N, C-alpha and C. Protein backbone atom coordinates (compact mmCIF):
# COMPACT_ATOMS: atom_id res chain seq x y z
N MET A 1 -5.74 -13.64 -1.34
CA MET A 1 -5.76 -12.39 -2.07
C MET A 1 -4.33 -11.86 -2.16
N ARG A 2 -3.95 -11.42 -3.32
CA ARG A 2 -2.62 -10.85 -3.53
C ARG A 2 -2.67 -9.36 -3.17
N ILE A 3 -1.71 -8.92 -2.35
CA ILE A 3 -1.64 -7.53 -1.94
C ILE A 3 -0.28 -6.98 -2.34
N THR A 4 -0.29 -5.85 -3.04
CA THR A 4 0.94 -5.19 -3.47
C THR A 4 0.94 -3.76 -2.95
N ILE A 5 2.06 -3.35 -2.37
CA ILE A 5 2.25 -1.96 -1.95
C ILE A 5 3.27 -1.33 -2.88
N TYR A 6 2.87 -0.28 -3.57
CA TYR A 6 3.79 0.49 -4.42
C TYR A 6 4.33 1.62 -3.56
N THR A 7 5.64 1.69 -3.47
CA THR A 7 6.30 2.59 -2.53
C THR A 7 7.47 3.28 -3.22
N ARG A 8 8.15 4.13 -2.46
CA ARG A 8 9.40 4.73 -2.93
C ARG A 8 10.27 5.02 -1.72
N ASN A 9 11.52 5.30 -1.98
CA ASN A 9 12.45 5.61 -0.90
C ASN A 9 12.00 6.87 -0.16
N ASP A 10 12.23 6.91 1.14
CA ASP A 10 11.96 8.08 1.97
C ASP A 10 10.50 8.52 1.94
N CYS A 11 9.57 7.59 1.89
CA CYS A 11 8.13 7.88 1.89
C CYS A 11 7.57 7.49 3.25
N VAL A 12 7.23 8.49 4.06
CA VAL A 12 6.77 8.25 5.43
C VAL A 12 5.48 7.43 5.44
N GLN A 13 4.51 7.79 4.59
CA GLN A 13 3.24 7.05 4.56
C GLN A 13 3.44 5.62 4.06
N CYS A 14 4.42 5.43 3.17
CA CYS A 14 4.73 4.08 2.69
C CYS A 14 5.24 3.22 3.83
N HIS A 15 6.14 3.77 4.63
CA HIS A 15 6.70 3.03 5.76
C HIS A 15 5.60 2.72 6.79
N ALA A 16 4.70 3.68 7.03
CA ALA A 16 3.61 3.46 7.99
C ALA A 16 2.69 2.35 7.51
N THR A 17 2.39 2.32 6.21
CA THR A 17 1.53 1.29 5.65
C THR A 17 2.19 -0.08 5.78
N LYS A 18 3.47 -0.15 5.43
CA LYS A 18 4.21 -1.41 5.53
C LYS A 18 4.23 -1.91 6.97
N ARG A 19 4.55 -1.02 7.92
CA ARG A 19 4.60 -1.41 9.33
C ARG A 19 3.25 -1.91 9.83
N ALA A 20 2.18 -1.19 9.46
CA ALA A 20 0.84 -1.58 9.92
C ALA A 20 0.48 -2.97 9.41
N MET A 21 0.80 -3.24 8.15
CA MET A 21 0.48 -4.56 7.60
C MET A 21 1.35 -5.65 8.22
N GLU A 22 2.63 -5.36 8.43
CA GLU A 22 3.52 -6.33 9.08
C GLU A 22 3.06 -6.63 10.50
N ASN A 23 2.69 -5.59 11.24
CA ASN A 23 2.26 -5.76 12.62
C ASN A 23 0.99 -6.59 12.72
N ARG A 24 0.19 -6.59 11.67
CA ARG A 24 -1.06 -7.35 11.66
C ARG A 24 -0.92 -8.70 10.98
N GLY A 25 0.28 -9.03 10.53
CA GLY A 25 0.49 -10.32 9.91
C GLY A 25 -0.07 -10.44 8.50
N VAL A 26 -0.29 -9.32 7.84
CA VAL A 26 -0.81 -9.33 6.47
C VAL A 26 0.36 -9.57 5.52
N GLU A 27 0.23 -10.54 4.64
CA GLU A 27 1.27 -10.82 3.66
C GLU A 27 1.10 -9.91 2.45
N PHE A 28 2.21 -9.39 1.94
CA PHE A 28 2.17 -8.47 0.80
C PHE A 28 3.50 -8.52 0.09
N GLU A 29 3.50 -7.96 -1.11
CA GLU A 29 4.76 -7.74 -1.82
C GLU A 29 4.89 -6.24 -2.04
N MET A 30 6.13 -5.80 -2.19
CA MET A 30 6.38 -4.37 -2.39
C MET A 30 7.03 -4.14 -3.74
N VAL A 31 6.65 -3.03 -4.36
CA VAL A 31 7.27 -2.59 -5.60
C VAL A 31 7.74 -1.16 -5.36
N ASN A 32 9.05 -0.93 -5.43
CA ASN A 32 9.62 0.40 -5.24
C ASN A 32 9.68 1.08 -6.60
N VAL A 33 8.90 2.15 -6.76
CA VAL A 33 8.83 2.83 -8.06
C VAL A 33 10.12 3.58 -8.38
N ASP A 34 10.99 3.78 -7.37
CA ASP A 34 12.30 4.36 -7.66
C ASP A 34 13.15 3.38 -8.46
N HIS A 35 12.88 2.08 -8.30
CA HIS A 35 13.63 1.04 -9.00
C HIS A 35 12.88 0.48 -10.20
N VAL A 36 11.56 0.73 -10.25
CA VAL A 36 10.72 0.22 -11.35
C VAL A 36 9.90 1.40 -11.88
N PRO A 37 10.53 2.31 -12.65
CA PRO A 37 9.85 3.53 -13.09
C PRO A 37 8.58 3.28 -13.90
N GLN A 38 8.52 2.17 -14.65
CA GLN A 38 7.31 1.91 -15.43
C GLN A 38 6.11 1.67 -14.51
N ALA A 39 6.35 1.21 -13.29
CA ALA A 39 5.25 1.04 -12.33
C ALA A 39 4.66 2.40 -11.96
N ALA A 40 5.52 3.41 -11.81
CA ALA A 40 5.04 4.76 -11.51
C ALA A 40 4.18 5.28 -12.66
N ASP A 41 4.59 5.02 -13.89
CA ASP A 41 3.80 5.43 -15.06
C ASP A 41 2.44 4.75 -15.06
N GLU A 42 2.40 3.47 -14.73
CA GLU A 42 1.13 2.73 -14.70
C GLU A 42 0.21 3.27 -13.61
N LEU A 43 0.76 3.62 -12.45
CA LEU A 43 -0.06 4.17 -11.37
C LEU A 43 -0.64 5.52 -11.76
N ARG A 44 0.17 6.37 -12.40
CA ARG A 44 -0.33 7.66 -12.87
C ARG A 44 -1.44 7.48 -13.89
N ALA A 45 -1.28 6.49 -14.78
CA ALA A 45 -2.30 6.21 -15.80
C ALA A 45 -3.61 5.77 -15.15
N MET A 46 -3.53 5.14 -13.97
CA MET A 46 -4.74 4.72 -13.24
C MET A 46 -5.32 5.85 -12.41
N GLY A 47 -4.65 7.02 -12.40
CA GLY A 47 -5.17 8.18 -11.69
C GLY A 47 -4.58 8.43 -10.32
N PHE A 48 -3.61 7.63 -9.91
CA PHE A 48 -3.00 7.82 -8.59
C PHE A 48 -1.92 8.89 -8.66
N ARG A 49 -1.90 9.77 -7.65
CA ARG A 49 -0.92 10.86 -7.59
C ARG A 49 -0.13 10.85 -6.29
N GLN A 50 -0.42 9.88 -5.42
CA GLN A 50 0.19 9.83 -4.09
C GLN A 50 0.60 8.40 -3.79
N LEU A 51 1.72 8.25 -3.10
CA LEU A 51 2.16 6.94 -2.63
C LEU A 51 1.98 6.87 -1.12
N PRO A 52 1.85 5.69 -0.57
CA PRO A 52 1.84 4.41 -1.27
C PRO A 52 0.52 4.19 -2.00
N VAL A 53 0.57 3.31 -2.98
CA VAL A 53 -0.65 2.78 -3.58
C VAL A 53 -0.70 1.32 -3.17
N VAL A 54 -1.85 0.92 -2.65
CA VAL A 54 -2.06 -0.47 -2.25
C VAL A 54 -3.08 -1.09 -3.19
N VAL A 55 -2.73 -2.24 -3.73
CA VAL A 55 -3.65 -3.01 -4.57
C VAL A 55 -3.90 -4.33 -3.85
N ALA A 56 -5.14 -4.51 -3.43
CA ALA A 56 -5.55 -5.72 -2.71
C ALA A 56 -6.71 -6.34 -3.47
N GLY A 57 -6.38 -7.25 -4.37
CA GLY A 57 -7.42 -7.81 -5.24
C GLY A 57 -7.97 -6.72 -6.14
N GLU A 58 -9.28 -6.51 -6.09
CA GLU A 58 -9.92 -5.47 -6.89
C GLU A 58 -9.94 -4.12 -6.19
N THR A 59 -9.54 -4.08 -4.93
CA THR A 59 -9.56 -2.85 -4.14
C THR A 59 -8.21 -2.14 -4.26
N LYS A 60 -8.28 -0.81 -4.49
CA LYS A 60 -7.06 -0.01 -4.63
C LYS A 60 -7.23 1.28 -3.85
N TRP A 61 -6.14 1.73 -3.21
CA TRP A 61 -6.17 3.03 -2.54
C TRP A 61 -4.77 3.60 -2.46
N SER A 62 -4.70 4.89 -2.12
CA SER A 62 -3.39 5.53 -1.94
C SER A 62 -3.34 6.19 -0.57
N GLY A 63 -2.12 6.37 -0.09
CA GLY A 63 -1.91 6.97 1.22
C GLY A 63 -1.99 5.93 2.33
N PHE A 64 -1.66 6.37 3.55
CA PHE A 64 -1.75 5.49 4.72
C PHE A 64 -3.20 5.47 5.16
N ARG A 65 -3.86 4.32 5.01
CA ARG A 65 -5.30 4.19 5.26
C ARG A 65 -5.58 3.05 6.23
N PRO A 66 -5.47 3.31 7.55
CA PRO A 66 -5.79 2.26 8.52
C PRO A 66 -7.20 1.71 8.33
N ASP A 67 -8.14 2.56 7.91
CA ASP A 67 -9.52 2.10 7.70
C ASP A 67 -9.58 1.03 6.62
N MET A 68 -8.78 1.18 5.57
CA MET A 68 -8.76 0.19 4.49
C MET A 68 -7.98 -1.05 4.90
N ILE A 69 -6.90 -0.87 5.64
CA ILE A 69 -6.14 -2.02 6.13
C ILE A 69 -7.04 -2.89 7.01
N ASN A 70 -7.90 -2.24 7.82
CA ASN A 70 -8.82 -2.99 8.68
C ASN A 70 -9.80 -3.84 7.90
N ARG A 71 -10.06 -3.49 6.65
CA ARG A 71 -11.01 -4.25 5.83
C ARG A 71 -10.39 -5.48 5.18
N LEU A 72 -9.08 -5.59 5.24
CA LEU A 72 -8.43 -6.74 4.62
C LEU A 72 -8.79 -8.01 5.38
N PRO A 73 -9.05 -9.09 4.68
CA PRO A 73 -9.44 -10.34 5.34
C PRO A 73 -8.38 -10.81 6.32
N GLY A 74 -8.83 -11.11 7.52
CA GLY A 74 -7.94 -11.68 8.52
C GLY A 74 -7.03 -10.69 9.21
N ALA A 75 -7.12 -9.41 8.86
CA ALA A 75 -6.25 -8.42 9.48
C ALA A 75 -6.89 -7.87 10.75
N PRO A 76 -6.23 -8.01 11.90
CA PRO A 76 -6.75 -7.38 13.12
C PRO A 76 -6.81 -5.86 12.92
N ARG A 77 -7.61 -5.20 13.69
CA ARG A 77 -7.82 -3.76 13.52
C ARG A 77 -6.54 -2.95 13.77
N VAL A 78 -6.40 -1.87 13.00
CA VAL A 78 -5.31 -0.92 13.13
C VAL A 78 -5.89 0.35 13.72
N ALA A 79 -5.23 0.94 14.70
CA ALA A 79 -5.72 2.19 15.28
C ALA A 79 -5.65 3.29 14.25
N SER A 80 -6.72 4.07 14.14
CA SER A 80 -6.75 5.20 13.20
C SER A 80 -5.96 6.36 13.79
N ALA A 81 -5.33 7.12 12.91
CA ALA A 81 -4.54 8.27 13.36
C ALA A 81 -5.43 9.43 13.70
């Protein structure tokens, strides 16, 4: 499954999401909307108003969501805040 994290500079929840996935060995790619403004436009068009936005196959969410990270295949559990 392809996982993409849409992030921006100085985003605390973005960094927390990235760290949680790295700590669990989840492979992902990152798109920084500060460097790819059209990605921000596409996310807004999909109804997202908060970063990070995570796209994991057909599943999409925004914000730091340990509950959703735990649902990713092969990802060990992440402690909820």
